[in-house]
Amino acid sequence: QVQLVESGGGLVQAGGSLRLSCLASGSIFSIHAMGWYRQAPGSQRELVARLSMGGETKYADNVKGRFTISRDNAKNTVSVYLQMNSLKTEDTGVYSCVAEGNGMDFWGRGALVTVSS
């Protein structure tokens, strides 16, 4: 099992920045990728950014050039960050951290990001 705890959500004006953090603990040896999804009100959840343990990144087209995913490895934990710059009102949503394991994905509870105009 992998436990994920997100932090860093909040309210920000359009054009501003936020940094989301996700701390993974537990069976982190089983993780082969981590990422961030978001769900806007009335919309389906969508992939925002993904980072494999090998370092490959993938971004949604609508965040390329504005968002950056990164990772820090510690002895018993892995932290994944999402730096969000030049935020737009359409970036509003619940951002959830995901850890892709062996045949199973683990999800955090989500962090609300609200971008005001």
N, C-alpha and C. Protein backbone atom coordinates (compact mmCIF):
# COMPACT_ATOMS: atom_id res chain seq x y z
N GLN A 1 0.83 -1.20 0.00
CA GLN A 1 0.00 0.00 0.00
C GLN A 1 0.87 1.25 0.00
N VAL A 2 0.37 2.27 -0.67
CA VAL A 2 1.04 3.57 -0.72
C VAL A 2 0.07 4.61 -0.18
N GLN A 3 0.56 5.44 0.71
CA GLN A 3 -0.24 6.53 1.24
C GLN A 3 0.23 7.83 0.61
N LEU A 4 -0.72 8.66 0.22
CA LEU A 4 -0.42 9.94 -0.44
C LEU A 4 -1.10 11.07 0.33
N VAL A 5 -0.34 12.12 0.56
CA VAL A 5 -0.90 13.29 1.23
C VAL A 5 -0.52 14.52 0.41
N GLU A 6 -1.55 15.23 -0.06
CA GLU A 6 -1.32 16.44 -0.85
C GLU A 6 -1.39 17.68 0.04
N SER A 7 -0.72 18.71 -0.42
CA SER A 7 -0.79 20.00 0.26
C SER A 7 -0.49 21.09 -0.77
N GLY A 8 -0.87 22.31 -0.42
CA GLY A 8 -0.51 23.45 -1.25
C GLY A 8 -1.62 24.07 -2.05
N GLY A 9 -2.81 23.52 -1.98
CA GLY A 9 -3.91 24.13 -2.71
C GLY A 9 -4.32 25.45 -2.09
N GLY A 10 -5.22 26.14 -2.76
CA GLY A 10 -5.70 27.40 -2.21
C GLY A 10 -6.31 28.29 -3.26
N LEU A 11 -6.47 29.54 -2.89
CA LEU A 11 -7.07 30.54 -3.77
C LEU A 11 -5.97 31.46 -4.29
N VAL A 12 -5.99 31.70 -5.59
CA VAL A 12 -4.99 32.56 -6.20
C VAL A 12 -5.64 33.33 -7.34
N GLN A 13 -5.14 34.52 -7.60
CA GLN A 13 -5.65 35.29 -8.72
C GLN A 13 -5.06 34.80 -10.03
N ALA A 14 -5.80 35.02 -11.08
CA ALA A 14 -5.30 34.66 -12.41
C ALA A 14 -3.96 35.34 -12.65
N GLY A 15 -3.04 34.57 -13.22
CA GLY A 15 -1.69 35.07 -13.45
C GLY A 15 -0.73 34.71 -12.34
N GLY A 16 -1.26 34.26 -11.24
CA GLY A 16 -0.43 33.92 -10.10
C GLY A 16 0.11 32.50 -10.17
N SER A 17 0.76 32.09 -9.07
CA SER A 17 1.41 30.78 -9.01
C SER A 17 1.02 30.04 -7.74
N LEU A 18 1.05 28.73 -7.83
CA LEU A 18 0.88 27.86 -6.68
C LEU A 18 1.77 26.65 -6.87
N ARG A 19 2.15 26.05 -5.75
CA ARG A 19 2.94 24.83 -5.80
C ARG A 19 2.23 23.76 -4.98
N LEU A 20 1.89 22.67 -5.63
CA LEU A 20 1.28 21.54 -4.95
C LEU A 20 2.36 20.53 -4.59
N SER A 21 2.18 19.90 -3.43
CA SER A 21 3.10 18.87 -2.98
C SER A 21 2.34 17.59 -2.70
N CYS A 22 2.98 16.48 -2.93
CA CYS A 22 2.39 15.17 -2.64
C CYS A 22 3.47 14.30 -2.02
N LEU A 23 3.22 13.85 -0.81
CA LEU A 23 4.17 13.01 -0.09
C LEU A 23 3.67 11.57 -0.12
N ALA A 24 4.48 10.69 -0.69
CA ALA A 24 4.14 9.27 -0.78
C ALA A 24 4.95 8.49 0.24
N SER A 25 4.27 7.61 0.96
CA SER A 25 4.94 6.75 1.93
C SER A 25 4.35 5.35 1.83
N GLY A 26 4.98 4.41 2.51
CA GLY A 26 4.53 3.03 2.45
C GLY A 26 5.37 2.24 1.46
N SER A 27 4.73 1.50 0.60
CA SER A 27 5.44 0.63 -0.35
C SER A 27 5.89 1.41 -1.57
N ILE A 28 6.74 2.39 -1.34
CA ILE A 28 7.15 3.27 -2.44
C ILE A 28 8.01 2.55 -3.47
N PHE A 29 8.58 1.41 -3.09
CA PHE A 29 9.40 0.66 -4.04
C PHE A 29 8.57 0.15 -5.21
N SER A 30 7.24 0.08 -5.02
CA SER A 30 6.36 -0.44 -6.07
C SER A 30 5.92 0.63 -7.06
N ILE A 31 6.26 1.88 -6.78
CA ILE A 31 5.80 2.98 -7.63
C ILE A 31 6.67 3.08 -8.89
N HIS A 32 6.03 3.14 -10.05
CA HIS A 32 6.81 3.34 -11.27
C HIS A 32 6.51 4.70 -11.93
N ALA A 33 5.52 5.39 -11.44
CA ALA A 33 5.24 6.74 -11.94
C ALA A 33 4.33 7.45 -10.96
N MET A 34 4.40 8.77 -10.95
CA MET A 34 3.48 9.57 -10.15
C MET A 34 2.99 10.73 -11.00
N GLY A 35 1.84 11.24 -10.62
CA GLY A 35 1.30 12.32 -11.43
C GLY A 35 0.22 13.09 -10.72
N TRP A 36 -0.31 14.05 -11.44
CA TRP A 36 -1.40 14.88 -10.95
C TRP A 36 -2.54 14.86 -11.94
N TYR A 37 -3.73 14.67 -11.41
CA TYR A 37 -4.96 14.79 -12.18
C TYR A 37 -5.75 15.96 -11.59
N ARG A 38 -6.64 16.48 -12.38
CA ARG A 38 -7.54 17.49 -11.84
C ARG A 38 -8.94 17.25 -12.38
N GLN A 39 -9.89 17.68 -11.54
CA GLN A 39 -11.29 17.60 -11.93
C GLN A 39 -11.93 18.95 -11.69
N ALA A 40 -12.33 19.58 -12.78
CA ALA A 40 -13.03 20.86 -12.69
C ALA A 40 -14.50 20.60 -12.45
N PRO A 41 -15.20 21.57 -11.90
CA PRO A 41 -16.64 21.40 -11.66
C PRO A 41 -17.38 21.04 -12.95
N GLY A 42 -18.14 19.95 -12.89
CA GLY A 42 -18.93 19.54 -14.04
C GLY A 42 -18.15 18.87 -15.14
N SER A 43 -16.88 18.57 -14.88
CA SER A 43 -16.03 17.95 -15.91
C SER A 43 -15.45 16.64 -15.41
N GLN A 44 -14.96 15.87 -16.35
CA GLN A 44 -14.31 14.62 -15.98
C GLN A 44 -12.88 14.89 -15.51
N ARG A 45 -12.37 13.97 -14.73
CA ARG A 45 -10.99 14.09 -14.27
C ARG A 45 -10.05 13.93 -15.45
N GLU A 46 -9.02 14.76 -15.48
CA GLU A 46 -8.07 14.72 -16.58
C GLU A 46 -6.64 14.72 -16.06
N LEU A 47 -5.76 14.10 -16.82
CA LEU A 47 -4.35 14.10 -16.46
C LEU A 47 -3.76 15.49 -16.68
N VAL A 48 -3.05 15.98 -15.70
CA VAL A 48 -2.37 17.27 -15.82
C VAL A 48 -0.88 17.05 -16.13
N ALA A 49 -0.25 16.21 -15.33
CA ALA A 49 1.18 15.96 -15.52
C ALA A 49 1.54 14.61 -14.92
N ARG A 50 2.52 13.98 -15.52
CA ARG A 50 2.96 12.65 -15.08
C ARG A 50 4.48 12.59 -15.15
N LEU A 51 5.06 11.93 -14.17
CA LEU A 51 6.52 11.79 -14.11
C LEU A 51 6.85 10.35 -13.77
N SER A 52 7.55 9.69 -14.68
CA SER A 52 7.93 8.31 -14.40
C SER A 52 9.16 8.29 -13.49
N MET A 53 9.41 7.16 -12.85
CA MET A 53 10.58 7.06 -12.00
C MET A 53 11.85 7.15 -12.84
N GLY A 54 11.72 6.91 -14.14
CA GLY A 54 12.86 7.05 -15.03
C GLY A 54 13.09 8.48 -15.49
N GLY A 55 12.17 9.37 -15.13
CA GLY A 55 12.36 10.78 -15.44
C GLY A 55 11.57 11.29 -16.63
N GLU A 56 10.78 10.44 -17.26
CA GLU A 56 10.00 10.90 -18.40
C GLU A 56 8.80 11.69 -17.91
N THR A 57 8.53 12.81 -18.57
CA THR A 57 7.40 13.65 -18.20
C THR A 57 6.36 13.68 -19.31
N LYS A 58 5.13 13.91 -18.87
CA LYS A 58 4.03 14.08 -19.80
C LYS A 58 3.12 15.16 -19.24
N TYR A 59 2.73 16.10 -20.09
CA TYR A 59 1.86 17.19 -19.67
C TYR A 59 0.63 17.27 -20.57
N ALA A 60 -0.46 17.72 -19.99
CA ALA A 60 -1.62 18.05 -20.79
C ALA A 60 -1.27 19.26 -21.66
N ASP A 61 -1.83 19.30 -22.85
CA ASP A 61 -1.50 20.39 -23.78
C ASP A 61 -1.79 21.75 -23.17
N ASN A 62 -2.86 21.83 -22.39
CA ASN A 62 -3.28 23.14 -21.89
C ASN A 62 -2.47 23.63 -20.68
N VAL A 63 -1.48 22.85 -20.25
CA VAL A 63 -0.61 23.33 -19.16
C VAL A 63 0.85 23.38 -19.57
N LYS A 64 1.17 22.91 -20.76
CA LYS A 64 2.56 22.92 -21.21
C LYS A 64 3.12 24.34 -21.20
N GLY A 65 4.32 24.48 -20.66
CA GLY A 65 4.95 25.78 -20.57
C GLY A 65 4.57 26.57 -19.34
N ARG A 66 3.56 26.11 -18.63
CA ARG A 66 3.11 26.81 -17.41
C ARG A 66 3.31 25.97 -16.15
N PHE A 67 3.14 24.66 -16.27
CA PHE A 67 3.25 23.75 -15.12
C PHE A 67 4.51 22.91 -15.25
N THR A 68 5.10 22.60 -14.10
CA THR A 68 6.28 21.74 -14.06
C THR A 68 6.13 20.72 -12.95
N ILE A 69 6.32 19.46 -13.30
CA ILE A 69 6.28 18.40 -12.30
C ILE A 69 7.71 18.00 -11.96
N SER A 70 7.95 17.75 -10.67
CA SER A 70 9.28 17.35 -10.23
C SER A 70 9.15 16.39 -9.06
N ARG A 71 10.27 15.81 -8.68
CA ARG A 71 10.24 14.76 -7.66
C ARG A 71 11.48 14.83 -6.78
N ASP A 72 11.31 14.51 -5.52
CA ASP A 72 12.41 14.33 -4.58
C ASP A 72 12.30 12.95 -3.96
N ASN A 73 13.40 12.21 -3.97
CA ASN A 73 13.40 10.88 -3.35
C ASN A 73 14.13 10.94 -2.02
N ALA A 74 13.50 10.38 -1.01
CA ALA A 74 14.14 10.23 0.29
C ALA A 74 14.21 8.75 0.62
N LYS A 75 14.74 8.43 1.75
CA LYS A 75 14.95 7.02 2.09
C LYS A 75 13.63 6.25 2.11
N ASN A 76 12.63 6.79 2.76
CA ASN A 76 11.37 6.06 2.92
C ASN A 76 10.17 6.77 2.32
N THR A 77 10.41 7.88 1.64
CA THR A 77 9.31 8.64 1.05
C THR A 77 9.71 9.16 -0.33
N VAL A 78 8.70 9.50 -1.08
CA VAL A 78 8.88 10.18 -2.37
C VAL A 78 7.95 11.39 -2.38
N SER A 79 8.47 12.52 -2.76
CA SER A 79 7.65 13.72 -2.87
C SER A 79 7.57 14.15 -4.32
N VAL A 80 6.37 14.47 -4.74
CA VAL A 80 6.17 14.98 -6.09
C VAL A 80 5.54 16.36 -5.98
N TYR A 81 6.03 17.26 -6.82
CA TYR A 81 5.58 18.64 -6.78
C TYR A 81 4.99 19.04 -8.13
N LEU A 82 4.05 19.95 -8.09
CA LEU A 82 3.51 20.53 -9.30
C LEU A 82 3.59 22.04 -9.14
N GLN A 83 4.53 22.64 -9.84
CA GLN A 83 4.65 24.09 -9.85
C GLN A 83 3.76 24.64 -10.94
N MET A 84 2.82 25.47 -10.54
CA MET A 84 1.83 26.00 -11.48
C MET A 84 2.02 27.51 -11.59
N ASN A 85 2.38 27.96 -12.76
CA ASN A 85 2.58 29.39 -13.02
C ASN A 85 1.56 29.89 -14.03
N SER A 86 1.43 31.19 -14.09
CA SER A 86 0.50 31.82 -15.05
C SER A 86 -0.87 31.16 -15.00
N LEU A 87 -1.38 31.00 -13.80
CA LEU A 87 -2.64 30.28 -13.62
C LEU A 87 -3.79 31.01 -14.29
N LYS A 88 -4.71 30.23 -14.80
CA LYS A 88 -5.90 30.74 -15.47
C LYS A 88 -7.13 30.26 -14.71
N THR A 89 -8.23 30.96 -14.92
CA THR A 89 -9.46 30.55 -14.22
C THR A 89 -9.85 29.12 -14.57
N GLU A 90 -9.53 28.70 -15.78
CA GLU A 90 -9.88 27.33 -16.18
C GLU A 90 -9.00 26.27 -15.53
N ASP A 91 -7.99 26.69 -14.77
CA ASP A 91 -7.18 25.73 -14.00
C ASP A 91 -7.85 25.37 -12.67
N THR A 92 -8.93 26.00 -12.37
CA THR A 92 -9.65 25.72 -11.13
C THR A 92 -10.12 24.26 -11.11
N GLY A 93 -9.95 23.63 -9.96
CA GLY A 93 -10.40 22.26 -9.82
C GLY A 93 -9.78 21.59 -8.61
N VAL A 94 -10.14 20.34 -8.42
CA VAL A 94 -9.53 19.53 -7.38
C VAL A 94 -8.38 18.75 -8.01
N TYR A 95 -7.21 18.95 -7.47
CA TYR A 95 -6.01 18.31 -7.98
C TYR A 95 -5.67 17.11 -7.09
N SER A 96 -5.56 15.96 -7.73
CA SER A 96 -5.29 14.73 -7.00
C SER A 96 -3.97 14.14 -7.43
N CYS A 97 -3.23 13.69 -6.46
CA CYS A 97 -1.95 13.02 -6.72
C CYS A 97 -2.22 11.53 -6.91
N VAL A 98 -1.51 10.92 -7.83
CA VAL A 98 -1.66 9.49 -8.08
C VAL A 98 -0.28 8.84 -8.13
N ALA A 99 -0.19 7.67 -7.57
CA ALA A 99 1.02 6.85 -7.65
C ALA A 99 0.65 5.57 -8.38
N GLU A 100 1.34 5.32 -9.47
CA GLU A 100 1.06 4.12 -10.27
C GLU A 100 1.95 2.99 -9.76
N GLY A 101 1.29 1.95 -9.25
CA GLY A 101 2.05 0.83 -8.72
C GLY A 101 1.95 -0.38 -9.63
N ASN A 102 2.25 -1.53 -9.08
CA ASN A 102 2.19 -2.79 -9.83
C ASN A 102 0.76 -3.28 -9.88
N GLY A 103 0.05 -2.91 -10.94
CA GLY A 103 -1.32 -3.36 -11.11
C GLY A 103 -2.32 -2.61 -10.28
N MET A 104 -1.89 -1.56 -9.62
CA MET A 104 -2.79 -0.81 -8.77
C MET A 104 -2.34 0.64 -8.70
N ASP A 105 -3.30 1.55 -8.74
CA ASP A 105 -3.01 2.97 -8.58
C ASP A 105 -3.48 3.42 -7.20
N PHE A 106 -2.74 4.33 -6.63
CA PHE A 106 -3.08 4.88 -5.32
C PHE A 106 -3.35 6.37 -5.49
N TRP A 107 -4.36 6.85 -4.79
CA TRP A 107 -4.79 8.23 -4.95
C TRP A 107 -4.77 8.97 -3.62
N GLY A 108 -4.44 10.25 -3.71
CA GLY A 108 -4.58 11.12 -2.57
C GLY A 108 -6.01 11.65 -2.49
N ARG A 109 -6.28 12.40 -1.44
CA ARG A 109 -7.64 12.89 -1.22
C ARG A 109 -7.96 14.11 -2.06
N GLY A 110 -6.94 14.76 -2.59
CA GLY A 110 -7.17 15.92 -3.44
C GLY A 110 -6.95 17.24 -2.74
N ALA A 111 -6.56 18.22 -3.53
CA ALA A 111 -6.36 19.58 -3.02
C ALA A 111 -7.09 20.54 -3.95
N LEU A 112 -7.88 21.42 -3.36
CA LEU A 112 -8.68 22.35 -4.16
C LEU A 112 -7.83 23.55 -4.56
N VAL A 113 -7.84 23.84 -5.84
CA VAL A 113 -7.18 25.03 -6.39
C VAL A 113 -8.26 25.89 -7.02
N THR A 114 -8.35 27.12 -6.56
CA THR A 114 -9.33 28.06 -7.11
C THR A 114 -8.59 29.26 -7.66
N VAL A 115 -8.80 29.52 -8.95
CA VAL A 115 -8.16 30.66 -9.60
C VAL A 115 -9.25 31.68 -9.91
N SER A 116 -9.11 32.85 -9.31
CA SER A 116 -10.12 33.89 -9.49
C SER A 116 -9.68 34.87 -10.57
N SER A 117 -10.67 35.49 -11.18
CA SER A 117 -10.38 36.45 -12.28
C SER A 117 -10.12 37.84 -11.74
